[in-house]
Amino acid sequence: GDYRVVLYPMDYDGNICGLSNYSNIDMSDYKYLYPVNFYGGGVCVKECPDLSDLPSGDPVDLHTLVTYSGIFQTESSILPQDYIQVANYNSTNTNNSEVCTMMECYPGDNVLLSWKSPGVNEGAGYAFYAVNTRTYMNRCLLTSSVVDFLRNETSSLEDFAKQSNSNLEGTENVMSNLYSDLFTSRSYILGFGLGLSVIVGF
């Protein structure tokens, strides 16, 4: 197998972020996975966004969405269009139902309706807000200030807060333990794999 599949994050379409020869899309410049939903679906981006210096002081631009088909913005967005640079998925994204429009992702230009829209779908859709993140193992993780901000901005987020906090803590613990175990036992894994392949080869 290819060890890089374990070390690098995989996007929603099976591409490995940061690799050039694994799929049809050259992802070598897009090393980080930005979450588009809470179920592991994400897109490869050049850098994990740092929104800590927004003029509003908010850790979220609620009018900029990162989607499976790139960036979607309303007229009220704060960030420039290219602030978050997403890999070009246009050649692989043939499912037109996963493209944001005002009706699909931001009906009525209303934040609460956007949260419940088919696109965002309360964190289970194909689009998510541009948020402040921190980098961990080539993944962009939501900061706790993002969870607090979204809880305050949208009125029906009791489940979201519980789910987000458990996902954030659980993901960080699982990923940290997995990669530290892999790193610690790398010589055993490689030695066993090499030894087994030599034995099977003869």
N, C-alpha and C. Protein backbone atom coordinates (compact mmCIF):
# COMPACT_ATOMS: atom_id res chain seq x y z
N GLY A 1 0.80 -1.18 0.00
CA GLY A 1 0.00 0.00 0.00
C GLY A 1 0.85 1.25 0.00
N ASP A 2 0.20 2.35 -0.19
CA ASP A 2 0.86 3.65 -0.22
C ASP A 2 0.73 4.30 1.16
N TYR A 3 1.86 4.42 1.87
CA TYR A 3 1.83 4.99 3.23
C TYR A 3 1.32 6.42 3.25
N ARG A 4 1.43 7.12 2.12
CA ARG A 4 1.02 8.52 2.08
C ARG A 4 -0.48 8.67 2.31
N VAL A 5 -1.26 7.63 2.02
CA VAL A 5 -2.70 7.68 2.25
C VAL A 5 -2.99 7.83 3.74
N VAL A 6 -2.11 7.30 4.58
CA VAL A 6 -2.29 7.40 6.03
C VAL A 6 -1.79 8.75 6.55
N LEU A 7 -0.70 9.25 5.97
CA LEU A 7 -0.08 10.46 6.49
C LEU A 7 -0.73 11.75 6.01
N TYR A 8 -1.30 11.74 4.82
CA TYR A 8 -1.89 12.95 4.25
C TYR A 8 -3.41 12.84 4.26
N PRO A 9 -4.10 13.98 4.43
CA PRO A 9 -5.57 13.92 4.46
C PRO A 9 -6.16 13.68 3.07
N MET A 10 -7.32 13.05 3.06
CA MET A 10 -8.04 12.76 1.81
C MET A 10 -9.29 13.62 1.75
N ASP A 11 -9.53 14.22 0.58
CA ASP A 11 -10.70 15.08 0.43
C ASP A 11 -11.95 14.26 0.15
N TYR A 12 -13.07 14.95 -0.05
CA TYR A 12 -14.36 14.29 -0.25
C TYR A 12 -14.40 13.43 -1.52
N ASP A 13 -13.50 13.72 -2.47
CA ASP A 13 -13.53 13.05 -3.77
C ASP A 13 -12.44 11.98 -3.91
N GLY A 14 -11.74 11.67 -2.81
CA GLY A 14 -10.71 10.64 -2.84
C GLY A 14 -9.34 11.13 -3.26
N ASN A 15 -9.14 12.45 -3.40
CA ASN A 15 -7.83 13.01 -3.72
C ASN A 15 -7.04 13.17 -2.42
N ILE A 16 -5.72 12.99 -2.51
CA ILE A 16 -4.87 13.16 -1.35
C ILE A 16 -4.29 14.58 -1.38
N CYS A 17 -4.59 15.35 -0.36
CA CYS A 17 -4.09 16.73 -0.29
C CYS A 17 -2.57 16.72 -0.17
N GLY A 18 -1.91 17.52 -1.00
CA GLY A 18 -0.46 17.65 -0.94
C GLY A 18 0.30 16.74 -1.89
N LEU A 19 -0.41 15.89 -2.64
CA LEU A 19 0.26 14.96 -3.55
C LEU A 19 -0.09 15.29 -5.00
N SER A 20 0.86 15.05 -5.89
CA SER A 20 0.63 15.39 -7.29
C SER A 20 0.32 14.17 -8.15
N ASN A 21 0.76 13.01 -7.77
CA ASN A 21 0.61 11.86 -8.66
C ASN A 21 -0.34 10.80 -8.11
N TYR A 22 -1.28 11.20 -7.28
CA TYR A 22 -2.20 10.21 -6.72
C TYR A 22 -3.55 10.19 -7.43
N SER A 23 -3.93 11.32 -8.00
CA SER A 23 -5.24 11.41 -8.65
C SER A 23 -5.12 12.25 -9.91
N ASN A 24 -6.25 12.55 -10.51
CA ASN A 24 -6.28 13.34 -11.73
C ASN A 24 -5.97 14.82 -11.48
N ILE A 25 -6.14 15.27 -10.24
CA ILE A 25 -5.92 16.67 -9.91
C ILE A 25 -4.57 16.80 -9.21
N ASP A 26 -3.76 17.77 -9.63
CA ASP A 26 -2.48 18.03 -8.98
C ASP A 26 -2.74 18.79 -7.68
N MET A 27 -2.57 18.10 -6.56
CA MET A 27 -2.84 18.69 -5.24
C MET A 27 -1.56 19.10 -4.52
N SER A 28 -0.42 19.13 -5.22
CA SER A 28 0.85 19.39 -4.54
C SER A 28 0.88 20.76 -3.86
N ASP A 29 0.14 21.75 -4.38
CA ASP A 29 0.10 23.07 -3.75
C ASP A 29 -1.01 23.18 -2.70
N TYR A 30 -1.86 22.19 -2.60
CA TYR A 30 -3.02 22.22 -1.71
C TYR A 30 -2.84 21.14 -0.65
N LYS A 31 -2.10 21.46 0.40
CA LYS A 31 -1.65 20.46 1.37
C LYS A 31 -2.60 20.25 2.55
N TYR A 32 -3.57 21.12 2.71
CA TYR A 32 -4.38 21.09 3.92
C TYR A 32 -5.85 20.77 3.61
N LEU A 33 -6.47 20.04 4.51
CA LEU A 33 -7.87 19.67 4.35
C LEU A 33 -8.74 20.62 5.17
N TYR A 34 -9.65 21.33 4.48
CA TYR A 34 -10.58 22.23 5.14
C TYR A 34 -11.92 21.51 5.26
N PRO A 35 -12.50 21.44 6.47
CA PRO A 35 -13.76 20.70 6.63
C PRO A 35 -14.94 21.42 5.99
N VAL A 36 -15.73 20.67 5.25
CA VAL A 36 -16.93 21.23 4.64
C VAL A 36 -18.16 20.73 5.39
N ASN A 37 -17.99 19.68 6.15
CA ASN A 37 -19.06 19.21 7.04
C ASN A 37 -18.43 18.46 8.22
N PHE A 38 -19.27 18.05 9.16
CA PHE A 38 -18.77 17.39 10.37
C PHE A 38 -18.54 15.89 10.17
N TYR A 39 -18.75 15.39 8.97
CA TYR A 39 -18.62 13.95 8.73
C TYR A 39 -17.33 13.60 8.00
N GLY A 40 -16.38 14.51 7.99
CA GLY A 40 -15.09 14.23 7.38
C GLY A 40 -14.95 14.73 5.96
N GLY A 41 -16.03 15.19 5.36
CA GLY A 41 -15.95 15.72 4.00
C GLY A 41 -15.23 17.06 4.01
N GLY A 42 -14.27 17.21 3.10
CA GLY A 42 -13.54 18.45 3.05
C GLY A 42 -12.90 18.65 1.69
N VAL A 43 -12.28 19.80 1.51
CA VAL A 43 -11.58 20.13 0.27
C VAL A 43 -10.14 20.50 0.60
N CYS A 44 -9.26 20.32 -0.37
CA CYS A 44 -7.85 20.66 -0.20
C CYS A 44 -7.66 22.16 -0.44
N VAL A 45 -6.95 22.80 0.47
CA VAL A 45 -6.69 24.23 0.37
C VAL A 45 -5.19 24.49 0.50
N LYS A 46 -4.75 25.67 0.01
CA LYS A 46 -3.32 26.02 0.10
C LYS A 46 -2.88 26.27 1.52
N GLU A 47 -3.69 26.99 2.28
CA GLU A 47 -3.37 27.33 3.66
C GLU A 47 -4.64 27.22 4.50
N CYS A 48 -4.48 26.84 5.74
CA CYS A 48 -5.62 26.88 6.65
C CYS A 48 -5.90 28.35 6.97
N PRO A 49 -7.15 28.78 6.82
CA PRO A 49 -7.44 30.21 6.99
C PRO A 49 -7.27 30.68 8.43
N ASP A 50 -6.70 31.86 8.57
CA ASP A 50 -6.56 32.53 9.86
C ASP A 50 -7.41 33.80 9.78
N LEU A 51 -8.55 33.77 10.44
CA LEU A 51 -9.48 34.90 10.39
C LEU A 51 -9.39 35.74 11.65
N SER A 52 -8.32 35.58 12.42
CA SER A 52 -8.21 36.30 13.69
C SER A 52 -8.04 37.80 13.50
N ASP A 53 -7.68 38.24 12.29
CA ASP A 53 -7.47 39.67 12.07
C ASP A 53 -8.59 40.33 11.26
N LEU A 54 -9.77 39.73 11.24
CA LEU A 54 -10.89 40.36 10.54
C LEU A 54 -11.25 41.68 11.22
N PRO A 55 -11.64 42.69 10.44
CA PRO A 55 -11.99 43.99 11.03
C PRO A 55 -13.11 43.89 12.07
N SER A 56 -14.03 42.96 11.87
CA SER A 56 -15.15 42.82 12.79
C SER A 56 -14.73 42.15 14.09
N GLY A 57 -13.58 41.48 14.08
CA GLY A 57 -13.13 40.75 15.26
C GLY A 57 -13.77 39.38 15.39
N ASP A 58 -14.67 39.03 14.48
CA ASP A 58 -15.34 37.74 14.51
C ASP A 58 -14.44 36.66 13.90
N PRO A 59 -14.52 35.43 14.41
CA PRO A 59 -13.70 34.35 13.85
C PRO A 59 -14.33 33.67 12.63
N VAL A 60 -15.42 34.25 12.13
CA VAL A 60 -16.18 33.63 11.03
C VAL A 60 -16.64 34.71 10.06
N ASP A 61 -16.56 34.42 8.76
CA ASP A 61 -17.24 35.25 7.76
C ASP A 61 -18.46 34.45 7.33
N LEU A 62 -19.61 34.80 7.86
CA LEU A 62 -20.84 34.05 7.62
C LEU A 62 -21.35 34.20 6.19
N HIS A 63 -20.75 35.07 5.42
CA HIS A 63 -21.20 35.30 4.04
C HIS A 63 -20.21 34.75 3.02
N THR A 64 -19.23 34.00 3.49
CA THR A 64 -18.31 33.27 2.61
C THR A 64 -18.40 31.80 2.96
N LEU A 65 -18.69 30.98 1.97
CA LEU A 65 -18.81 29.54 2.18
C LEU A 65 -17.73 28.81 1.39
N VAL A 66 -17.12 27.82 2.03
CA VAL A 66 -16.20 26.92 1.34
C VAL A 66 -17.03 25.70 0.95
N THR A 67 -17.05 25.37 -0.34
CA THR A 67 -17.92 24.30 -0.83
C THR A 67 -17.11 23.27 -1.61
N TYR A 68 -17.77 22.18 -1.97
CA TYR A 68 -17.14 21.16 -2.81
C TYR A 68 -16.75 21.72 -4.18
N SER A 69 -17.35 22.82 -4.58
CA SER A 69 -17.04 23.39 -5.89
C SER A 69 -16.27 24.70 -5.80
N GLY A 70 -15.71 25.02 -4.64
CA GLY A 70 -14.92 26.23 -4.48
C GLY A 70 -15.53 27.18 -3.46
N ILE A 71 -15.29 28.47 -3.66
CA ILE A 71 -15.76 29.50 -2.73
C ILE A 71 -17.07 30.10 -3.24
N PHE A 72 -18.03 30.27 -2.34
CA PHE A 72 -19.29 30.94 -2.65
C PHE A 72 -19.41 32.13 -1.70
N GLN A 73 -19.71 33.31 -2.24
CA GLN A 73 -19.84 34.50 -1.41
C GLN A 73 -21.11 35.26 -1.75
N THR A 74 -21.69 35.87 -0.72
CA THR A 74 -22.81 36.78 -0.93
C THR A 74 -22.23 38.20 -1.04
N GLU A 75 -23.08 39.17 -1.30
CA GLU A 75 -22.62 40.56 -1.42
C GLU A 75 -22.10 41.11 -0.10
N SER A 76 -22.49 40.50 1.01
CA SER A 76 -22.08 40.99 2.33
C SER A 76 -20.80 40.35 2.84
N SER A 77 -20.13 39.56 2.02
CA SER A 77 -18.92 38.88 2.49
C SER A 77 -17.81 39.87 2.83
N ILE A 78 -16.99 39.51 3.78
CA ILE A 78 -15.90 40.36 4.25
C ILE A 78 -14.60 39.99 3.55
N LEU A 79 -14.39 38.71 3.35
CA LEU A 79 -13.12 38.22 2.80
C LEU A 79 -13.03 38.43 1.29
N PRO A 80 -11.83 38.65 0.78
CA PRO A 80 -11.65 38.65 -0.68
C PRO A 80 -11.92 37.25 -1.24
N GLN A 81 -12.30 37.18 -2.50
CA GLN A 81 -12.65 35.91 -3.14
C GLN A 81 -11.52 34.88 -3.05
N ASP A 82 -10.27 35.34 -3.12
CA ASP A 82 -9.14 34.40 -3.12
C ASP A 82 -8.46 34.26 -1.76
N TYR A 83 -9.12 34.67 -0.69
CA TYR A 83 -8.52 34.57 0.64
C TYR A 83 -8.26 33.11 1.02
N ILE A 84 -9.22 32.26 0.73
CA ILE A 84 -9.04 30.82 0.92
C ILE A 84 -8.90 30.22 -0.47
N GLN A 85 -7.75 29.68 -0.76
CA GLN A 85 -7.50 29.13 -2.09
C GLN A 85 -7.78 27.64 -2.09
N VAL A 86 -8.84 27.27 -2.79
CA VAL A 86 -9.31 25.89 -2.86
C VAL A 86 -8.85 25.29 -4.19
N ALA A 87 -8.49 24.00 -4.15
CA ALA A 87 -8.11 23.30 -5.38
C ALA A 87 -9.25 23.38 -6.39
N ASN A 88 -8.93 23.27 -7.67
CA ASN A 88 -9.93 23.36 -8.72
C ASN A 88 -10.63 22.01 -8.89
N TYR A 89 -11.84 21.92 -8.37
CA TYR A 89 -12.63 20.69 -8.45
C TYR A 89 -13.61 20.71 -9.62
N ASN A 90 -13.59 21.76 -10.41
CA ASN A 90 -14.57 21.90 -11.49
C ASN A 90 -14.54 20.74 -12.47
N SER A 91 -13.37 20.17 -12.72
CA SER A 91 -13.27 19.07 -13.68
C SER A 91 -13.83 17.76 -13.13
N THR A 92 -13.88 17.62 -11.81
CA THR A 92 -14.36 16.37 -11.22
C THR A 92 -15.75 16.48 -10.63
N ASN A 93 -16.19 17.69 -10.31
CA ASN A 93 -17.49 17.86 -9.68
C ASN A 93 -18.57 17.96 -10.75
N THR A 94 -19.11 16.81 -11.11
CA THR A 94 -20.15 16.79 -12.15
C THR A 94 -21.55 16.79 -11.56
N ASN A 95 -21.65 16.71 -10.24
CA ASN A 95 -22.96 16.70 -9.59
C ASN A 95 -23.41 18.14 -9.38
N ASN A 96 -24.26 18.63 -10.27
CA ASN A 96 -24.69 20.03 -10.21
C ASN A 96 -25.51 20.35 -8.97
N SER A 97 -26.02 19.33 -8.28
CA SER A 97 -26.80 19.59 -7.08
C SER A 97 -25.91 20.02 -5.91
N GLU A 98 -24.59 19.87 -6.05
CA GLU A 98 -23.66 20.24 -4.98
C GLU A 98 -22.96 21.56 -5.28
N VAL A 99 -23.59 22.43 -6.02
CA VAL A 99 -23.05 23.75 -6.32
C VAL A 99 -23.91 24.77 -5.59
N CYS A 100 -23.26 25.67 -4.86
CA CYS A 100 -24.01 26.66 -4.09
C CYS A 100 -24.60 27.73 -4.99
N THR A 101 -25.84 28.06 -4.68
CA THR A 101 -26.53 29.22 -5.23
C THR A 101 -27.16 29.93 -4.02
N MET A 102 -27.70 31.09 -4.24
CA MET A 102 -28.36 31.77 -3.12
C MET A 102 -29.49 30.92 -2.56
N MET A 103 -30.23 30.24 -3.43
CA MET A 103 -31.35 29.42 -2.97
C MET A 103 -30.88 28.19 -2.20
N GLU A 104 -29.80 27.58 -2.66
CA GLU A 104 -29.32 26.33 -2.05
C GLU A 104 -28.52 26.56 -0.77
N CYS A 105 -27.77 27.67 -0.69
CA CYS A 105 -26.86 27.87 0.43
C CYS A 105 -27.12 29.12 1.26
N TYR A 106 -27.83 30.08 0.71
CA TYR A 106 -28.06 31.32 1.45
C TYR A 106 -29.42 31.91 1.13
N PRO A 107 -30.51 31.14 1.35
CA PRO A 107 -31.84 31.65 0.99
C PRO A 107 -32.21 32.89 1.80
N GLY A 108 -32.78 33.87 1.10
CA GLY A 108 -33.22 35.09 1.76
C GLY A 108 -32.09 35.93 2.31
N ASP A 109 -30.85 35.62 1.96
CA ASP A 109 -29.67 36.33 2.47
C ASP A 109 -29.72 36.38 4.00
N ASN A 110 -30.13 35.26 4.62
CA ASN A 110 -30.37 35.17 6.05
C ASN A 110 -29.47 34.09 6.65
N VAL A 111 -28.76 34.43 7.73
CA VAL A 111 -27.80 33.50 8.34
C VAL A 111 -28.49 32.23 8.86
N LEU A 112 -29.59 32.38 9.58
CA LEU A 112 -30.26 31.21 10.13
C LEU A 112 -30.80 30.32 9.02
N LEU A 113 -31.37 30.92 7.97
CA LEU A 113 -31.84 30.12 6.84
C LEU A 113 -30.66 29.46 6.12
N SER A 114 -29.53 30.13 6.10
CA SER A 114 -28.34 29.53 5.50
C SER A 114 -27.90 28.31 6.30
N TRP A 115 -27.92 28.42 7.62
CA TRP A 115 -27.52 27.29 8.49
C TRP A 115 -28.41 26.08 8.24
N LYS A 116 -29.69 26.30 7.96
CA LYS A 116 -30.62 25.20 7.73
C LYS A 116 -30.79 24.85 6.26
N SER A 117 -30.09 25.55 5.38
CA SER A 117 -30.21 25.34 3.94
C SER A 117 -29.68 23.97 3.52
N PRO A 118 -30.07 23.48 2.33
CA PRO A 118 -29.53 22.20 1.84
C PRO A 118 -28.00 22.21 1.72
N GLY A 119 -27.41 23.37 1.41
CA GLY A 119 -25.97 23.43 1.24
C GLY A 119 -25.21 23.27 2.55
N VAL A 120 -25.56 24.06 3.56
CA VAL A 120 -24.87 23.98 4.86
C VAL A 120 -25.46 22.85 5.70
N ASN A 121 -26.78 22.74 5.71
CA ASN A 121 -27.49 21.64 6.36
C ASN A 121 -27.01 21.38 7.79
N GLU A 122 -26.88 22.46 8.56
CA GLU A 122 -26.48 22.38 9.97
C GLU A 122 -25.17 21.61 10.16
N GLY A 123 -24.24 21.79 9.23
CA GLY A 123 -22.93 21.15 9.34
C GLY A 123 -22.86 19.77 8.72
N ALA A 124 -23.89 19.39 7.98
CA ALA A 124 -23.91 18.06 7.36
C ALA A 124 -24.02 18.15 5.84
N GLY A 125 -23.81 19.32 5.27
CA GLY A 125 -23.99 19.51 3.83
C GLY A 125 -22.70 19.52 3.04
N TYR A 126 -22.72 20.26 1.95
CA TYR A 126 -21.57 20.34 1.05
C TYR A 126 -20.96 21.74 1.04
N ALA A 127 -21.28 22.54 2.06
CA ALA A 127 -20.74 23.89 2.19
C ALA A 127 -20.63 24.23 3.67
N PHE A 128 -19.60 25.02 4.00
CA PHE A 128 -19.46 25.47 5.39
C PHE A 128 -18.83 26.85 5.38
N TYR A 129 -19.09 27.61 6.41
CA TYR A 129 -18.64 28.99 6.51
C TYR A 129 -17.10 29.07 6.55
N ALA A 130 -16.58 30.20 6.09
CA ALA A 130 -15.15 30.48 6.22
C ALA A 130 -14.91 30.82 7.68
N VAL A 131 -14.11 30.01 8.34
CA VAL A 131 -13.91 30.15 9.79
C VAL A 131 -12.43 30.20 10.12
N ASN A 132 -12.14 30.69 11.31
CA ASN A 132 -10.78 30.69 11.82
C ASN A 132 -10.41 29.25 12.16
N THR A 133 -9.25 28.82 11.72
CA THR A 133 -8.82 27.45 11.97
C THR A 133 -7.40 27.43 12.50
N ARG A 134 -7.02 26.28 12.98
CA ARG A 134 -5.61 26.04 13.33
C ARG A 134 -5.20 24.75 12.63
N THR A 135 -3.94 24.66 12.30
CA THR A 135 -3.43 23.53 11.54
C THR A 135 -3.00 22.41 12.49
N TYR A 136 -3.44 21.21 12.17
CA TYR A 136 -3.05 20.03 12.94
C TYR A 136 -2.96 18.85 11.98
N MET A 137 -1.77 18.31 11.79
CA MET A 137 -1.56 17.15 10.91
C MET A 137 -2.12 17.39 9.51
N ASN A 138 -1.85 18.56 8.94
CA ASN A 138 -2.32 18.96 7.61
C ASN A 138 -3.84 19.06 7.52
N ARG A 139 -4.47 19.29 8.62
CA ARG A 139 -5.91 19.47 8.65
C ARG A 139 -6.23 20.81 9.30
N CYS A 140 -7.24 21.48 8.78
CA CYS A 140 -7.68 22.75 9.34
C CYS A 140 -8.78 22.45 10.35
N LEU A 141 -8.50 22.67 11.61
CA LEU A 141 -9.48 22.39 12.66
C LEU A 141 -10.13 23.68 13.14
N LEU A 142 -11.43 23.62 13.38
CA LEU A 142 -12.15 24.77 13.90
C LEU A 142 -11.63 25.12 15.28
N THR A 143 -11.51 26.39 15.57
CA THR A 143 -11.10 26.80 16.91
C THR A 143 -12.32 26.87 17.81
N SER A 144 -12.10 26.87 19.11
CA SER A 144 -13.22 26.93 20.05
C SER A 144 -13.99 28.23 19.92
N SER A 145 -13.31 29.32 19.52
CA SER A 145 -14.02 30.60 19.35
C SER A 145 -15.02 30.53 18.21
N VAL A 146 -14.74 29.69 17.19
CA VAL A 146 -15.68 29.50 16.08
C VAL A 146 -16.95 28.83 16.58
N VAL A 147 -16.80 27.78 17.38
CA VAL A 147 -17.95 27.06 17.91
C VAL A 147 -18.81 28.01 18.75
N ASP A 148 -18.16 28.79 19.61
CA ASP A 148 -18.90 29.75 20.45
C ASP A 148 -19.61 30.79 19.60
N PHE A 149 -18.94 31.30 18.58
CA PHE A 149 -19.53 32.31 17.72
C PHE A 149 -20.76 31.77 16.99
N LEU A 150 -20.63 30.57 16.40
CA LEU A 150 -21.77 30.00 15.67
C LEU A 150 -22.92 29.67 16.61
N ARG A 151 -22.61 29.25 17.81
CA ARG A 151 -23.66 28.97 18.79
C ARG A 151 -24.45 30.24 19.08
N ASN A 152 -23.77 31.36 19.18
CA ASN A 152 -24.44 32.63 19.48
C ASN A 152 -25.17 33.21 18.27
N GLU A 153 -24.63 33.01 17.07
CA GLU A 153 -25.21 33.61 15.87
C GLU A 153 -26.47 32.91 15.38
N THR A 154 -26.55 31.64 15.56
CA THR A 154 -27.73 30.92 15.09
C THR A 154 -28.48 30.36 16.29
N SER A 155 -29.77 30.42 16.26
CA SER A 155 -30.56 30.16 17.46
C SER A 155 -30.80 28.68 17.74
N SER A 156 -30.59 27.80 16.78
CA SER A 156 -30.93 26.39 17.01
C SER A 156 -29.68 25.52 17.02
N LEU A 157 -28.68 25.92 17.81
CA LEU A 157 -27.41 25.21 17.73
C LEU A 157 -27.04 24.43 18.99
N GLU A 158 -28.00 24.01 19.78
CA GLU A 158 -27.64 23.24 20.97
C GLU A 158 -26.96 21.93 20.57
N ASP A 159 -27.55 21.24 19.59
CA ASP A 159 -26.94 19.99 19.12
C ASP A 159 -25.61 20.27 18.44
N PHE A 160 -25.54 21.39 17.70
CA PHE A 160 -24.30 21.74 17.00
C PHE A 160 -23.15 21.92 17.99
N ALA A 161 -23.42 22.62 19.08
CA ALA A 161 -22.36 22.87 20.05
C ALA A 161 -21.84 21.56 20.64
N LYS A 162 -22.78 20.67 21.00
CA LYS A 162 -22.36 19.37 21.55
C LYS A 162 -21.59 18.57 20.52
N GLN A 163 -22.14 18.52 19.30
CA GLN A 163 -21.51 17.74 18.23
C GLN A 163 -20.15 18.31 17.86
N SER A 164 -20.05 19.63 17.76
CA SER A 164 -18.79 20.27 17.36
C SER A 164 -17.72 20.04 18.40
N ASN A 165 -18.07 20.25 19.67
CA ASN A 165 -17.08 20.08 20.72
C ASN A 165 -16.60 18.65 20.80
N SER A 166 -17.54 17.70 20.71
CA SER A 166 -17.13 16.30 20.78
C SER A 166 -16.34 15.92 19.53
N ASN A 167 -16.75 16.41 18.36
CA ASN A 167 -16.00 16.12 17.13
C ASN A 167 -14.60 16.70 17.20
N LEU A 168 -14.48 17.94 17.66
CA LEU A 168 -13.18 18.60 17.71
C LEU A 168 -12.26 17.88 18.67
N GLU A 169 -12.75 17.61 19.89
CA GLU A 169 -11.91 16.94 20.87
C GLU A 169 -11.63 15.51 20.44
N GLY A 170 -12.68 14.81 19.98
CA GLY A 170 -12.50 13.42 19.57
C GLY A 170 -11.57 13.29 18.39
N THR A 171 -11.72 14.15 17.39
CA THR A 171 -10.87 14.09 16.21
C THR A 171 -9.42 14.36 16.57
N GLU A 172 -9.22 15.37 17.40
CA GLU A 172 -7.84 15.72 17.76
C GLU A 172 -7.20 14.58 18.54
N ASN A 173 -7.94 13.98 19.49
CA ASN A 173 -7.37 12.89 20.27
C ASN A 173 -7.10 11.66 19.41
N VAL A 174 -8.04 11.30 18.56
CA VAL A 174 -7.87 10.13 17.70
C VAL A 174 -6.70 10.33 16.75
N MET A 175 -6.66 11.49 16.09
CA MET A 175 -5.60 11.75 15.13
C MET A 175 -4.24 11.80 15.83
N SER A 176 -4.19 12.45 16.96
CA SER A 176 -2.93 12.55 17.70
C SER A 176 -2.44 11.18 18.10
N ASN A 177 -3.34 10.36 18.65
CA ASN A 177 -2.95 9.02 19.07
C ASN A 177 -2.55 8.15 17.88
N LEU A 178 -3.31 8.22 16.80
CA LEU A 178 -3.02 7.42 15.62
C LEU A 178 -1.64 7.74 15.06
N TYR A 179 -1.39 9.02 14.83
CA TYR A 179 -0.12 9.39 14.20
C TYR A 179 1.07 9.23 15.14
N SER A 180 0.87 9.43 16.41
CA SER A 180 1.99 9.21 17.33
C SER A 180 2.30 7.72 17.43
N ASP A 181 1.26 6.87 17.42
CA ASP A 181 1.49 5.42 17.42
C ASP A 181 2.17 4.97 16.15
N LEU A 182 1.72 5.50 15.00
CA LEU A 182 2.35 5.15 13.73
C LEU A 182 3.82 5.57 13.69
N PHE A 183 4.09 6.77 14.20
CA PHE A 183 5.46 7.25 14.19
C PHE A 183 6.34 6.42 15.12
N THR A 184 5.81 6.09 16.29
CA THR A 184 6.57 5.30 17.26
C THR A 184 6.87 3.91 16.73
N SER A 185 5.91 3.31 16.07
CA SER A 185 6.08 1.93 15.61
C SER A 185 6.48 1.82 14.14
N ARG A 186 6.95 2.89 13.55
CA ARG A 186 7.26 2.88 12.12
C ARG A 186 8.32 1.83 11.75
N SER A 187 9.32 1.65 12.60
CA SER A 187 10.37 0.67 12.26
C SER A 187 9.80 -0.75 12.29
N TYR A 188 8.91 -1.04 13.24
CA TYR A 188 8.29 -2.37 13.28
C TYR A 188 7.40 -2.60 12.07
N ILE A 189 6.61 -1.57 11.73
CA ILE A 189 5.70 -1.69 10.59
C ILE A 189 6.48 -1.89 9.30
N LEU A 190 7.48 -1.05 9.08
CA LEU A 190 8.27 -1.17 7.86
C LEU A 190 9.07 -2.46 7.84
N GLY A 191 9.64 -2.84 8.99
CA GLY A 191 10.41 -4.08 9.07
C GLY A 191 9.54 -5.30 8.81
N PHE A 192 8.37 -5.34 9.43
CA PHE A 192 7.46 -6.45 9.23
C PHE A 192 6.99 -6.50 7.78
N GLY A 193 6.64 -5.35 7.23
CA GLY A 193 6.19 -5.29 5.83
C GLY A 193 7.27 -5.74 4.87
N LEU A 194 8.49 -5.28 5.09
CA LEU A 194 9.60 -5.65 4.23
C LEU A 194 9.92 -7.14 4.38
N GLY A 195 9.96 -7.61 5.61
CA GLY A 195 10.24 -9.04 5.85
C GLY A 195 9.18 -9.94 5.23
N LEU A 196 7.91 -9.58 5.40
CA LEU A 196 6.82 -10.36 4.84
C LEU A 196 6.86 -10.36 3.33
N SER A 197 7.19 -9.22 2.73
CA SER A 197 7.25 -9.16 1.26
C SER A 197 8.40 -9.99 0.72
N VAL A 198 9.52 -10.04 1.44
CA VAL A 198 10.66 -10.86 1.01
C VAL A 198 10.30 -12.33 1.09
N ILE A 199 9.64 -12.73 2.18
CA ILE A 199 9.23 -14.13 2.35
C ILE A 199 8.23 -14.54 1.28
N VAL A 200 7.23 -13.72 1.05
CA VAL A 200 6.20 -14.02 0.05
C VAL A 200 6.80 -13.99 -1.34
N GLY A 201 7.79 -13.12 -1.57
CA GLY A 201 8.43 -13.00 -2.88
C GLY A 201 9.21 -14.25 -3.26
N PHE A 202 9.68 -15.00 -2.29
CA PHE A 202 10.44 -16.22 -2.60
C PHE A 202 9.51 -17.36 -2.57
